[in-house]
């Protein structure tokens, strides 16, 4: 039996890769990490600090947020 990968599998793999990157990056950041989906089902992770206040176009495409793991409070 041969198993052919599907586009749903590729979408899931891309999402999980972006999520893993966001989780790793969040450990060392004061800012939230967002996983963004574009129109072609490509997922990327962005740092909220890279963009300042996120524009609505990006906010509408956020599919998951990982809170920043660092704090400057003692």
C-alpha atoms as a PDB file:
ATOM      1  CA  UNK A   1       0.000   0.000   0.000  1.00  0.00           C
ATOM      2  CA  UNK A   2       1.322   3.402  -0.958  1.00  0.00           C
ATOM      3  CA  UNK A   3       0.389   6.496   0.984  1.00  0.00           C
ATOM      4  CA  UNK A   4       0.421   9.693  -1.020  1.00  0.00           C
ATOM      5  CA  UNK A   5       0.787  12.947   0.897  1.00  0.00           C
ATOM      6  CA  UNK A   6      -2.168  15.276   0.527  1.00  0.00           C
ATOM      7  CA  UNK A   7      -2.390  19.014   0.573  1.00  0.00           C
ATOM      8  CA  UNK A   8      -4.067  18.757   3.996  1.00  0.00           C
ATOM      9  CA  UNK A   9      -0.997  16.915   5.284  1.00  0.00           C
ATOM     10  CA  UNK A  10       1.280  19.583   3.799  1.00  0.00           C
ATOM     11  CA  UNK A  11      -0.828  22.336   5.382  1.00  0.00           C
ATOM     12  CA  UNK A  12      -0.610  20.630   8.772  1.00  0.00           C
ATOM     13  CA  UNK A  13       3.139  20.135   8.489  1.00  0.00           C
ATOM     14  CA  UNK A  14       3.637  23.796   7.539  1.00  0.00           C
ATOM     15  CA  UNK A  15       1.468  24.948  10.444  1.00  0.00           C
ATOM     16  CA  UNK A  16       3.298  22.735  12.945  1.00  0.00           C
ATOM     17  CA  UNK A  17       6.675  23.950  11.692  1.00  0.00           C
ATOM     18  CA  UNK A  18       5.639  27.608  12.106  1.00  0.00           C
ATOM     19  CA  UNK A  19       4.169  26.848  15.541  1.00  0.00           C
ATOM     20  CA  UNK A  20       7.369  25.129  16.693  1.00  0.00           C
ATOM     21  CA  UNK A  21       9.415  28.111  15.508  1.00  0.00           C
ATOM     22  CA  UNK A  22       7.101  30.549  17.334  1.00  0.00           C
ATOM     23  CA  UNK A  23       7.308  28.509  20.545  1.00  0.00           C
ATOM     24  CA  UNK A  24      11.123  28.384  20.418  1.00  0.00           C
ATOM     25  CA  UNK A  25      11.383  32.091  19.690  1.00  0.00           C
ATOM     26  CA  UNK A  26       8.871  33.037  22.426  1.00  0.00           C
ATOM     27  CA  UNK A  27      11.133  31.579  25.112  1.00  0.00           C
ATOM     28  CA  UNK A  28      13.677  34.332  24.448  1.00  0.00           C
ATOM     29  CA  UNK A  29      11.413  37.259  23.613  1.00  0.00           C
ATOM     30  CA  UNK A  30       9.469  39.898  25.495  1.00  0.00           C
ATOM     31  CA  UNK A  31       6.947  39.983  22.639  1.00  0.00           C
ATOM     32  CA  UNK A  32       4.183  37.609  21.599  1.00  0.00           C
ATOM     33  CA  UNK A  33       4.851  35.373  18.618  1.00  0.00           C
ATOM     34  CA  UNK A  34       2.052  35.031  16.068  1.00  0.00           C
ATOM     35  CA  UNK A  35       1.509  32.284  13.521  1.00  0.00           C
ATOM     36  CA  UNK A  36       0.078  33.924  10.396  1.00  0.00           C
ATOM     37  CA  UNK A  37      -1.665  32.188   7.483  1.00  0.00           C
ATOM     38  CA  UNK A  38      -1.672  33.746   4.035  1.00  0.00           C
ATOM     39  CA  UNK A  39      -4.055  33.147   1.129  1.00  0.00           C
ATOM     40  CA  UNK A  40      -2.023  30.221  -0.220  1.00  0.00           C
ATOM     41  CA  UNK A  41      -2.067  28.338   3.127  1.00  0.00           C
ATOM     42  CA  UNK A  42       1.535  29.214   3.905  1.00  0.00           C
ATOM     43  CA  UNK A  43       2.227  29.712   7.606  1.00  0.00           C
ATOM     44  CA  UNK A  44       4.872  32.013   9.054  1.00  0.00           C
ATOM     45  CA  UNK A  45       5.784  33.091  12.572  1.00  0.00           C
ATOM     46  CA  UNK A  46       6.258  36.775  13.312  1.00  0.00           C
ATOM     47  CA  UNK A  47       7.401  38.627  16.396  1.00  0.00           C
ATOM     48  CA  UNK A  48       5.004  41.336  17.515  1.00  0.00           C
ATOM     49  CA  UNK A  49       8.000  43.533  18.350  1.00  0.00           C
ATOM     50  CA  UNK A  50       9.151  43.436  14.725  1.00  0.00           C
ATOM     51  CA  UNK A  51       6.017  45.239  13.565  1.00  0.00           C
ATOM     52  CA  UNK A  52       4.998  47.455  16.486  1.00  0.00           C
ATOM     53  CA  UNK A  53       1.228  47.623  16.510  1.00  0.00           C
ATOM     54  CA  UNK A  54       0.027  44.938  14.116  1.00  0.00           C
ATOM     55  CA  UNK A  55      -2.100  46.239  11.242  1.00  0.00           C
ATOM     56  CA  UNK A  56      -5.590  44.785  10.882  1.00  0.00           C
ATOM     57  CA  UNK A  57      -4.523  42.914   7.734  1.00  0.00           C
ATOM     58  CA  UNK A  58      -2.119  40.845   9.859  1.00  0.00           C
ATOM     59  CA  UNK A  59      -4.424  40.547  12.868  1.00  0.00           C
ATOM     60  CA  UNK A  60      -7.111  39.011  10.655  1.00  0.00           C
ATOM     61  CA  UNK A  61      -4.663  36.291   9.556  1.00  0.00           C
ATOM     62  CA  UNK A  62      -3.392  35.268  13.028  1.00  0.00           C
ATOM     63  CA  UNK A  63      -4.214  31.607  13.659  1.00  0.00           C
ATOM     64  CA  UNK A  64      -2.252  31.146  16.900  1.00  0.00           C
ATOM     65  CA  UNK A  65      -0.375  33.312  19.400  1.00  0.00           C
ATOM     66  CA  UNK A  66       2.377  32.195  21.741  1.00  0.00           C
ATOM     67  CA  UNK A  67       2.961  34.634  24.624  1.00  0.00           C
ATOM     68  CA  UNK A  68       6.485  35.982  25.031  1.00  0.00           C
ATOM     69  CA  UNK A  69       8.387  34.073  27.687  1.00  0.00           C
ATOM     70  CA  UNK A  70      10.611  36.830  29.068  1.00  0.00           C
ATOM     71  CA  UNK A  71       9.580  39.436  31.575  1.00  0.00           C
ATOM     72  CA  UNK A  72      11.457  42.434  32.913  1.00  0.00           C
ATOM     73  CA  UNK A  73       9.432  42.430  36.146  1.00  0.00           C
ATOM     74  CA  UNK A  74      11.228  41.246  39.271  1.00  0.00           C
END
